[in-house]
Amino acid sequence: MNPATKTDPLVEYVQRSLELDDPDEVDRRAGELSVMGYERTATHLRGHAVSLRAGRVKRPRMVFRSPIPEASDEQWARFVRLMQTGDV
């Protein structure tokens, strides 16, 4: 591999951290960077985590009415979300 094209491990770690959707994991990584002395980078990641949390709050939760009398709306909604993600 050409040394000129090699990506700095720290840069790669930060880039992968910014691609995450989990604000708790982003915060955890920010803490690691802070301990290593990269406080400005950690602050940036923490800001990203705050943005992720804000985005979650702004998204309205979809309401799914159960078409089955034996299943509550909550049970049906849980089923629908599982089917959407394929995480059964």
PDB file of N, CA and C in Angstrom:
ATOM      1  N   MET A   1       0.848  -1.196   0.000  1.00  0.00           N
ATOM      2  CA  MET A   1       0.000   0.000   0.000  1.00  0.00           C
ATOM      3  C   MET A   1       0.880   1.241   0.000  1.00  0.00           C
ATOM      4  N   ASN A   2       0.521   2.197  -0.773  1.00  0.00           N
ATOM      5  CA  ASN A   2       1.242   3.448  -0.880  1.00  0.00           C
ATOM      6  C   ASN A   2       1.047   4.266   0.400  1.00  0.00           C
ATOM      7  N   PRO A   3       2.140   4.663   1.082  1.00  0.00           N
ATOM      8  CA  PRO A   3       1.996   5.436   2.334  1.00  0.00           C
ATOM      9  C   PRO A   3       1.236   6.742   2.147  1.00  0.00           C
ATOM     10  N   ALA A   4       1.273   7.306   0.958  1.00  0.00           N
ATOM     11  CA  ALA A   4       0.582   8.577   0.713  1.00  0.00           C
ATOM     12  C   ALA A   4      -0.934   8.411   0.729  1.00  0.00           C
ATOM     13  N   THR A   5      -1.418   7.197   0.412  1.00  0.00           N
ATOM     14  CA  THR A   5      -2.860   6.974   0.374  1.00  0.00           C
ATOM     15  C   THR A   5      -3.389   6.331   1.649  1.00  0.00           C
ATOM     16  N   LYS A   6      -2.505   6.008   2.577  1.00  0.00           N
ATOM     17  CA  LYS A   6      -2.929   5.372   3.821  1.00  0.00           C
ATOM     18  C   LYS A   6      -3.679   6.375   4.701  1.00  0.00           C
ATOM     19  N   THR A   7      -4.863   5.969   5.194  1.00  0.00           N
ATOM     20  CA  THR A   7      -5.681   6.828   6.034  1.00  0.00           C
ATOM     21  C   THR A   7      -5.203   6.738   7.484  1.00  0.00           C
ATOM     22  N   ASP A   8      -5.125   7.874   8.130  1.00  0.00           N
ATOM     23  CA  ASP A   8      -4.757   7.920   9.541  1.00  0.00           C
ATOM     24  C   ASP A   8      -5.803   7.152  10.347  1.00  0.00           C
ATOM     25  N   PRO A   9      -5.376   6.261  11.244  1.00  0.00           N
ATOM     26  CA  PRO A   9      -6.343   5.475  12.032  1.00  0.00           C
ATOM     27  C   PRO A   9      -7.310   6.342  12.833  1.00  0.00           C
ATOM     28  N   LEU A  10      -6.836   7.461  13.350  1.00  0.00           N
ATOM     29  CA  LEU A  10      -7.719   8.351  14.107  1.00  0.00           C
ATOM     30  C   LEU A  10      -8.793   8.936  13.193  1.00  0.00           C
ATOM     31  N   VAL A  11      -8.398   9.366  12.007  1.00  0.00           N
ATOM     32  CA  VAL A  11      -9.351   9.935  11.058  1.00  0.00           C
ATOM     33  C   VAL A  11     -10.387   8.878  10.681  1.00  0.00           C
ATOM     34  N   GLU A  12      -9.930   7.671  10.422  1.00  0.00           N
ATOM     35  CA  GLU A  12     -10.845   6.588  10.063  1.00  0.00           C
ATOM     36  C   GLU A  12     -11.823   6.289  11.210  1.00  0.00           C
ATOM     37  N   TYR A  13     -11.311   6.287  12.444  1.00  0.00           N
ATOM     38  CA  TYR A  13     -12.151   6.023  13.616  1.00  0.00           C
ATOM     39  C   TYR A  13     -13.230   7.096  13.762  1.00  0.00           C
ATOM     40  N   VAL A  14     -12.847   8.343  13.581  1.00  0.00           N
ATOM     41  CA  VAL A  14     -13.800   9.447  13.699  1.00  0.00           C
ATOM     42  C   VAL A  14     -14.827   9.387  12.571  1.00  0.00           C
ATOM     43  N   GLN A  15     -14.374   9.093  11.357  1.00  0.00           N
ATOM     44  CA  GLN A  15     -15.306   8.978  10.241  1.00  0.00           C
ATOM     45  C   GLN A  15     -16.328   7.872  10.490  1.00  0.00           C
ATOM     46  N   ARG A  16     -15.860   6.719  10.956  1.00  0.00           N
ATOM     47  CA  ARG A  16     -16.794   5.623  11.246  1.00  0.00           C
ATOM     48  C   ARG A  16     -17.727   5.991  12.388  1.00  0.00           C
ATOM     49  N   SER A  17     -17.229   6.751  13.351  1.00  0.00           N
ATOM     50  CA  SER A  17     -18.071   7.177  14.471  1.00  0.00           C
ATOM     51  C   SER A  17     -19.177   8.110  14.006  1.00  0.00           C
ATOM     52  N   LEU A  18     -18.867   8.967  13.044  1.00  0.00           N
ATOM     53  CA  LEU A  18     -19.867   9.900  12.534  1.00  0.00           C
ATOM     54  C   LEU A  18     -20.924   9.214  11.669  1.00  0.00           C
ATOM     55  N   GLU A  19     -20.640   8.013  11.215  1.00  0.00           N
ATOM     56  CA  GLU A  19     -21.603   7.251  10.424  1.00  0.00           C
ATOM     57  C   GLU A  19     -22.604   6.490  11.289  1.00  0.00           C
ATOM     58  N   LEU A  20     -22.346   6.414  12.585  1.00  0.00           N
ATOM     59  CA  LEU A  20     -23.213   5.661  13.493  1.00  0.00           C
ATOM     60  C   LEU A  20     -24.540   6.374  13.714  1.00  0.00           C
ATOM     61  N   ASP A  21     -25.574   5.582  14.003  1.00  0.00           N
ATOM     62  CA  ASP A  21     -26.896   6.132  14.312  1.00  0.00           C
ATOM     63  C   ASP A  21     -27.211   6.073  15.802  1.00  0.00           C
ATOM     64  N   ASP A  22     -26.324   5.492  16.587  1.00  0.00           N
ATOM     65  CA  ASP A  22     -26.563   5.302  18.018  1.00  0.00           C
ATOM     66  C   ASP A  22     -25.849   6.395  18.814  1.00  0.00           C
ATOM     67  N   PRO A  23     -26.600   7.354  19.359  1.00  0.00           N
ATOM     68  CA  PRO A  23     -25.952   8.457  20.077  1.00  0.00           C
ATOM     69  C   PRO A  23     -25.183   8.000  21.314  1.00  0.00           C
ATOM     70  N   ASP A  24     -25.616   6.926  21.955  1.00  0.00           N
ATOM     71  CA  ASP A  24     -24.886   6.433  23.132  1.00  0.00           C
ATOM     72  C   ASP A  24     -23.509   5.905  22.747  1.00  0.00           C
ATOM     73  N   GLU A  25     -23.435   5.210  21.616  1.00  0.00           N
ATOM     74  CA  GLU A  25     -22.138   4.715  21.140  1.00  0.00           C
ATOM     75  C   GLU A  25     -21.245   5.865  20.711  1.00  0.00           C
ATOM     76  N   VAL A  26     -21.821   6.880  20.088  1.00  0.00           N
ATOM     77  CA  VAL A  26     -21.040   8.050  19.689  1.00  0.00           C
ATOM     78  C   VAL A  26     -20.497   8.745  20.934  1.00  0.00           C
ATOM     79  N   ASP A  27     -21.306   8.881  21.971  1.00  0.00           N
ATOM     80  CA  ASP A  27     -20.848   9.468  23.239  1.00  0.00           C
ATOM     81  C   ASP A  27     -19.733   8.642  23.863  1.00  0.00           C
ATOM     82  N   ARG A  28     -19.872   7.321  23.811  1.00  0.00           N
ATOM     83  CA  ARG A  28     -18.844   6.438  24.379  1.00  0.00           C
ATOM     84  C   ARG A  28     -17.514   6.656  23.666  1.00  0.00           C
ATOM     85  N   ARG A  29     -17.580   6.733  22.343  1.00  0.00           N
ATOM     86  CA  ARG A  29     -16.368   6.959  21.564  1.00  0.00           C
ATOM     87  C   ARG A  29     -15.777   8.342  21.840  1.00  0.00           C
ATOM     88  N   ALA A  30     -16.643   9.324  22.037  1.00  0.00           N
ATOM     89  CA  ALA A  30     -16.163  10.668  22.379  1.00  0.00           C
ATOM     90  C   ALA A  30     -15.405  10.630  23.702  1.00  0.00           C
ATOM     91  N   GLY A  31     -15.909   9.857  24.647  1.00  0.00           N
ATOM     92  CA  GLY A  31     -15.215   9.707  25.930  1.00  0.00           C
ATOM     93  C   GLY A  31     -13.833   9.098  25.766  1.00  0.00           C
ATOM     94  N   GLU A  32     -13.737   8.097  24.906  1.00  0.00           N
ATOM     95  CA  GLU A  32     -12.433   7.477  24.648  1.00  0.00           C
ATOM     96  C   GLU A  32     -11.455   8.493  24.063  1.00  0.00           C
ATOM     97  N   LEU A  33     -11.928   9.275  23.103  1.00  0.00           N
ATOM     98  CA  LEU A  33     -11.065  10.269  22.477  1.00  0.00           C
ATOM     99  C   LEU A  33     -10.652  11.344  23.472  1.00  0.00           C
ATOM    100  N   SER A  34     -11.558  11.711  24.354  1.00  0.00           N
ATOM    101  CA  SER A  34     -11.258  12.721  25.362  1.00  0.00           C
ATOM    102  C   SER A  34     -10.135  12.247  26.286  1.00  0.00           C
ATOM    103  N   VAL A  35     -10.207  10.988  26.705  1.00  0.00           N
ATOM    104  CA  VAL A  35      -9.176  10.421  27.581  1.00  0.00           C
ATOM    105  C   VAL A  35      -7.813  10.408  26.880  1.00  0.00           C
ATOM    106  N   MET A  36      -7.822  10.218  25.563  1.00  0.00           N
ATOM    107  CA  MET A  36      -6.570  10.177  24.798  1.00  0.00           C
ATOM    108  C   MET A  36      -6.028  11.574  24.493  1.00  0.00           C
ATOM    109  N   GLY A  37      -6.792  12.617  24.870  1.00  0.00           N
ATOM    110  CA  GLY A  37      -6.308  13.972  24.671  1.00  0.00           C
ATOM    111  C   GLY A  37      -6.870  14.680  23.450  1.00  0.00           C
ATOM    112  N   TYR A  38      -7.843  14.080  22.797  1.00  0.00           N
ATOM    113  CA  TYR A  38      -8.453  14.688  21.613  1.00  0.00           C
ATOM    114  C   TYR A  38      -9.781  15.350  21.996  1.00  0.00           C
ATOM    115  N   GLU A  39      -9.705  16.340  22.868  1.00  0.00           N
ATOM    116  CA  GLU A  39     -10.913  16.952  23.420  1.00  0.00           C
ATOM    117  C   GLU A  39     -11.752  17.670  22.360  1.00  0.00           C
ATOM    118  N   ARG A  40     -11.116  18.352  21.432  1.00  0.00           N
ATOM    119  CA  ARG A  40     -11.884  19.068  20.398  1.00  0.00           C
ATOM    120  C   ARG A  40     -12.638  18.076  19.507  1.00  0.00           C
ATOM    121  N   THR A  41     -11.990  16.972  19.176  1.00  0.00           N
ATOM    122  CA  THR A  41     -12.649  15.948  18.371  1.00  0.00           C
ATOM    123  C   THR A  41     -13.777  15.311  19.169  1.00  0.00           C
ATOM    124  N   ALA A  42     -13.526  15.070  20.455  1.00  0.00           N
ATOM    125  CA  ALA A  42     -14.554  14.495  21.324  1.00  0.00           C
ATOM    126  C   ALA A  42     -15.759  15.428  21.420  1.00  0.00           C
ATOM    127  N   THR A  43     -15.510  16.718  21.519  1.00  0.00           N
ATOM    128  CA  THR A  43     -16.594  17.700  21.579  1.00  0.00           C
ATOM    129  C   THR A  43     -17.428  17.653  20.302  1.00  0.00           C
ATOM    130  N   HIS A  44     -16.761  17.495  19.172  1.00  0.00           N
ATOM    131  CA  HIS A  44     -17.473  17.397  17.891  1.00  0.00           C
ATOM    132  C   HIS A  44     -18.362  16.147  17.874  1.00  0.00           C
ATOM    133  N   LEU A  45     -17.825  15.025  18.331  1.00  0.00           N
ATOM    134  CA  LEU A  45     -18.621  13.794  18.370  1.00  0.00           C
ATOM    135  C   LEU A  45     -19.799  13.930  19.327  1.00  0.00           C
ATOM    136  N   ARG A  46     -19.585  14.574  20.456  1.00  0.00           N
ATOM    137  CA  ARG A  46     -20.696  14.777  21.399  1.00  0.00           C
ATOM    138  C   ARG A  46     -21.798  15.626  20.763  1.00  0.00           C
ATOM    139  N   GLY A  47     -21.405  16.619  19.995  1.00  0.00           N
ATOM    140  CA  GLY A  47     -22.392  17.430  19.275  1.00  0.00           C
ATOM    141  C   GLY A  47     -23.176  16.594  18.273  1.00  0.00           C
ATOM    142  N   HIS A  48     -22.487  15.662  17.630  1.00  0.00           N
ATOM    143  CA  HIS A  48     -23.158  14.754  16.694  1.00  0.00           C
ATOM    144  C   HIS A  48     -24.159  13.874  17.441  1.00  0.00           C
ATOM    145  N   ALA A  49     -23.779  13.401  18.623  1.00  0.00           N
ATOM    146  CA  ALA A  49     -24.689  12.581  19.432  1.00  0.00           C
ATOM    147  C   ALA A  49     -25.931  13.381  19.821  1.00  0.00           C
ATOM    148  N   VAL A  50     -25.749  14.637  20.167  1.00  0.00           N
ATOM    149  CA  VAL A  50     -26.889  15.496  20.510  1.00  0.00           C
ATOM    150  C   VAL A  50     -27.812  15.648  19.301  1.00  0.00           C
ATOM    151  N   SER A  51     -27.224  15.830  18.119  1.00  0.00           N
ATOM    152  CA  SER A  51     -28.028  15.943  16.898  1.00  0.00           C
ATOM    153  C   SER A  51     -28.811  14.671  16.627  1.00  0.00           C
ATOM    154  N   LEU A  52     -28.161  13.523  16.848  1.00  0.00           N
ATOM    155  CA  LEU A  52     -28.858  12.248  16.646  1.00  0.00           C
ATOM    156  C   LEU A  52     -30.045  12.127  17.596  1.00  0.00           C
ATOM    157  N   ARG A  53     -29.836  12.510  18.839  1.00  0.00           N
ATOM    158  CA  ARG A  53     -30.933  12.440  19.818  1.00  0.00           C
ATOM    159  C   ARG A  53     -32.064  13.390  19.435  1.00  0.00           C
ATOM    160  N   ALA A  54     -31.713  14.574  18.978  1.00  0.00           N
ATOM    161  CA  ALA A  54     -32.733  15.548  18.574  1.00  0.00           C
ATOM    162  C   ALA A  54     -33.528  15.020  17.392  1.00  0.00           C
ATOM    163  N   GLY A  55     -32.846  14.362  16.476  1.00  0.00           N
ATOM    164  CA  GLY A  55     -33.528  13.793  15.314  1.00  0.00           C
ATOM    165  C   GLY A  55     -34.504  12.707  15.710  1.00  0.00           C
ATOM    166  N   ARG A  56     -34.156  11.945  16.734  1.00  0.00           N
ATOM    167  CA  ARG A  56     -35.057  10.894  17.210  1.00  0.00           C
ATOM    168  C   ARG A  56     -36.299  11.489  17.850  1.00  0.00           C
ATOM    169  N   VAL A  57     -36.119  12.573  18.565  1.00  0.00           N
ATOM    170  CA  VAL A  57     -37.250  13.201  19.237  1.00  0.00           C
ATOM    171  C   VAL A  57     -38.206  13.813  18.225  1.00  0.00           C
ATOM    172  N   LYS A  58     -37.669  14.391  17.155  1.00  0.00           N
ATOM    173  CA  LYS A  58     -38.493  15.083  16.172  1.00  0.00           C
ATOM    174  C   LYS A  58     -39.333  14.137  15.324  1.00  0.00           C
ATOM    175  N   ARG A  59     -38.835  12.919  15.138  1.00  0.00           N
ATOM    176  CA  ARG A  59     -39.578  11.981  14.297  1.00  0.00           C
ATOM    177  C   ARG A  59     -40.813  11.484  15.021  1.00  0.00           C
ATOM    178  N   PRO A  60     -41.977  11.718  14.462  1.00  0.00           N
ATOM    179  CA  PRO A  60     -43.183  11.207  15.116  1.00  0.00           C
ATOM    180  C   PRO A  60     -43.242   9.690  14.998  1.00  0.00           C
ATOM    181  N   ARG A  61     -43.682   9.085  16.042  1.00  0.00           N
ATOM    182  CA  ARG A  61     -43.811   7.634  16.038  1.00  0.00           C
ATOM    183  C   ARG A  61     -45.085   7.271  15.295  1.00  0.00           C
ATOM    184  N   MET A  62     -44.954   6.347  14.357  1.00  0.00           N
ATOM    185  CA  MET A  62     -46.111   5.953  13.569  1.00  0.00           C
ATOM    186  C   MET A  62     -47.065   5.135  14.425  1.00  0.00           C
ATOM    187  N   VAL A  63     -48.321   5.350  14.210  1.00  0.00           N
ATOM    188  CA  VAL A  63     -49.355   4.618  14.939  1.00  0.00           C
ATOM    189  C   VAL A  63     -49.868   3.511  14.035  1.00  0.00           C
ATOM    190  N   PHE A  64     -49.883   2.323  14.570  1.00  0.00           N
ATOM    191  CA  PHE A  64     -50.385   1.177  13.829  1.00  0.00           C
ATOM    192  C   PHE A  64     -51.594   0.620  14.574  1.00  0.00           C
ATOM    193  N   ARG A  65     -52.742   0.706  13.961  1.00  0.00           N
ATOM    194  CA  ARG A  65     -53.966   0.167  14.544  1.00  0.00           C
ATOM    195  C   ARG A  65     -54.056  -1.320  14.233  1.00  0.00           C
ATOM    196  N   SER A  66     -54.345  -2.082  15.234  1.00  0.00           N
ATOM    197  CA  SER A  66     -54.412  -3.530  15.049  1.00  0.00           C
ATOM    198  C   SER A  66     -55.674  -3.932  14.292  1.00  0.00           C
ATOM    199  N   PRO A  67     -55.508  -4.689  13.202  1.00  0.00           N
ATOM    200  CA  PRO A  67     -56.679  -5.188  12.482  1.00  0.00           C
ATOM    201  C   PRO A  67     -57.206  -6.485  13.093  1.00  0.00           C
ATOM    202  N   ILE A  68     -56.489  -6.969  14.104  1.00  0.00           N
ATOM    203  CA  ILE A  68     -56.858  -8.244  14.734  1.00  0.00           C
ATOM    204  C   ILE A  68     -57.413  -7.955  16.132  1.00  0.00           C
ATOM    205  N   PRO A  69     -58.629  -8.371  16.423  1.00  0.00           N
ATOM    206  CA  PRO A  69     -59.226  -8.082  17.729  1.00  0.00           C
ATOM    207  C   PRO A  69     -58.416  -8.639  18.907  1.00  0.00           C
ATOM    208  N   GLU A  70     -57.735  -9.757  18.695  1.00  0.00           N
ATOM    209  CA  GLU A  70     -56.977 -10.383  19.786  1.00  0.00           C
ATOM    210  C   GLU A  70     -55.652  -9.676  20.103  1.00  0.00           C
ATOM    211  N   ALA A  71     -55.209  -8.779  19.224  1.00  0.00           N
ATOM    212  CA  ALA A  71     -53.938  -8.084  19.427  1.00  0.00           C
ATOM    213  C   ALA A  71     -54.195  -6.609  19.717  1.00  0.00           C
ATOM    214  N   SER A  72     -53.544  -6.111  20.763  1.00  0.00           N
ATOM    215  CA  SER A  72     -53.679  -4.685  21.085  1.00  0.00           C
ATOM    216  C   SER A  72     -52.919  -3.867  20.041  1.00  0.00           C
ATOM    217  N   ASP A  73     -53.185  -2.559  19.990  1.00  0.00           N
ATOM    218  CA  ASP A  73     -52.466  -1.677  19.065  1.00  0.00           C
ATOM    219  C   ASP A  73     -50.966  -1.719  19.358  1.00  0.00           C
ATOM    220  N   GLU A  74     -50.603  -1.766  20.631  1.00  0.00           N
ATOM    221  CA  GLU A  74     -49.191  -1.819  21.020  1.00  0.00           C
ATOM    222  C   GLU A  74     -48.537  -3.107  20.521  1.00  0.00           C
ATOM    223  N   GLN A  75     -49.206  -4.226  20.691  1.00  0.00           N
ATOM    224  CA  GLN A  75     -48.672  -5.506  20.228  1.00  0.00           C
ATOM    225  C   GLN A  75     -48.527  -5.498  18.700  1.00  0.00           C
ATOM    226  N   TRP A  76     -49.523  -4.982  18.025  1.00  0.00           N
ATOM    227  CA  TRP A  76     -49.490  -4.929  16.570  1.00  0.00           C
ATOM    228  C   TRP A  76     -48.347  -4.017  16.094  1.00  0.00           C
ATOM    229  N   ALA A  77     -48.184  -2.865  16.748  1.00  0.00           N
ATOM    230  CA  ALA A  77     -47.123  -1.940  16.370  1.00  0.00           C
ATOM    231  C   ALA A  77     -45.749  -2.589  16.545  1.00  0.00           C
ATOM    232  N   ARG A  78     -45.563  -3.314  17.618  1.00  0.00           N
ATOM    233  CA  ARG A  78     -44.298  -4.015  17.851  1.00  0.00           C
ATOM    234  C   ARG A  78     -44.051  -5.027  16.725  1.00  0.00           C
ATOM    235  N   PHE A  79     -45.087  -5.761  16.344  1.00  0.00           N
ATOM    236  CA  PHE A  79     -44.989  -6.737  15.252  1.00  0.00           C
ATOM    237  C   PHE A  79     -44.620  -6.041  13.937  1.00  0.00           C
ATOM    238  N   VAL A  80     -45.293  -4.937  13.637  1.00  0.00           N
ATOM    239  CA  VAL A  80     -45.023  -4.218  12.392  1.00  0.00           C
ATOM    240  C   VAL A  80     -43.590  -3.714  12.366  1.00  0.00           C
ATOM    241  N   ARG A  81     -43.108  -3.143  13.471  1.00  0.00           N
ATOM    242  CA  ARG A  81     -41.724  -2.650  13.512  1.00  0.00           C
ATOM    243  C   ARG A  81     -40.720  -3.780  13.320  1.00  0.00           C
ATOM    244  N   LEU A  82     -40.999  -4.934  13.905  1.00  0.00           N
ATOM    245  CA  LEU A  82     -40.120  -6.086  13.698  1.00  0.00           C
ATOM    246  C   LEU A  82     -40.101  -6.505  12.229  1.00  0.00           C
ATOM    247  N   MET A  83     -41.252  -6.469  11.604  1.00  0.00           N
ATOM    248  CA  MET A  83     -41.317  -6.843  10.192  1.00  0.00           C
ATOM    249  C   MET A  83     -40.590  -5.814   9.313  1.00  0.00           C
ATOM    250  N   GLN A  84     -40.647  -4.534   9.709  1.00  0.00           N
ATOM    251  CA  GLN A  84     -39.957  -3.490   8.933  1.00  0.00           C
ATOM    252  C   GLN A  84     -38.458  -3.672   8.975  1.00  0.00           C
ATOM    253  N   THR A  85     -37.924  -4.037  10.115  1.00  0.00           N
ATOM    254  CA  THR A  85     -36.477  -4.155  10.268  1.00  0.00           C
ATOM    255  C   THR A  85     -35.976  -5.541   9.896  1.00  0.00           C
ATOM    256  N   GLY A  86     -36.870  -6.509   9.872  1.00  0.00           N
ATOM    257  CA  GLY A  86     -36.461  -7.872   9.593  1.00  0.00           C
ATOM    258  C   GLY A  86     -35.759  -8.517  10.761  1.00  0.00           C
ATOM    259  N   ASP A  87     -35.788  -7.873  11.930  1.00  0.00           N
ATOM    260  CA  ASP A  87     -35.133  -8.377  13.126  1.00  0.00           C
ATOM    261  C   ASP A  87     -36.121  -9.215  13.947  1.00  0.00           C
ATOM    262  N   VAL A  88     -36.448 -10.360  13.409  1.00  0.00           N
ATOM    263  CA  VAL A  88     -37.408 -11.225  14.091  1.00  0.00           C
ATOM    264  C   VAL A  88     -36.650 -12.257  14.865  1.00  0.00           C
TER     265      VAL A  88
END
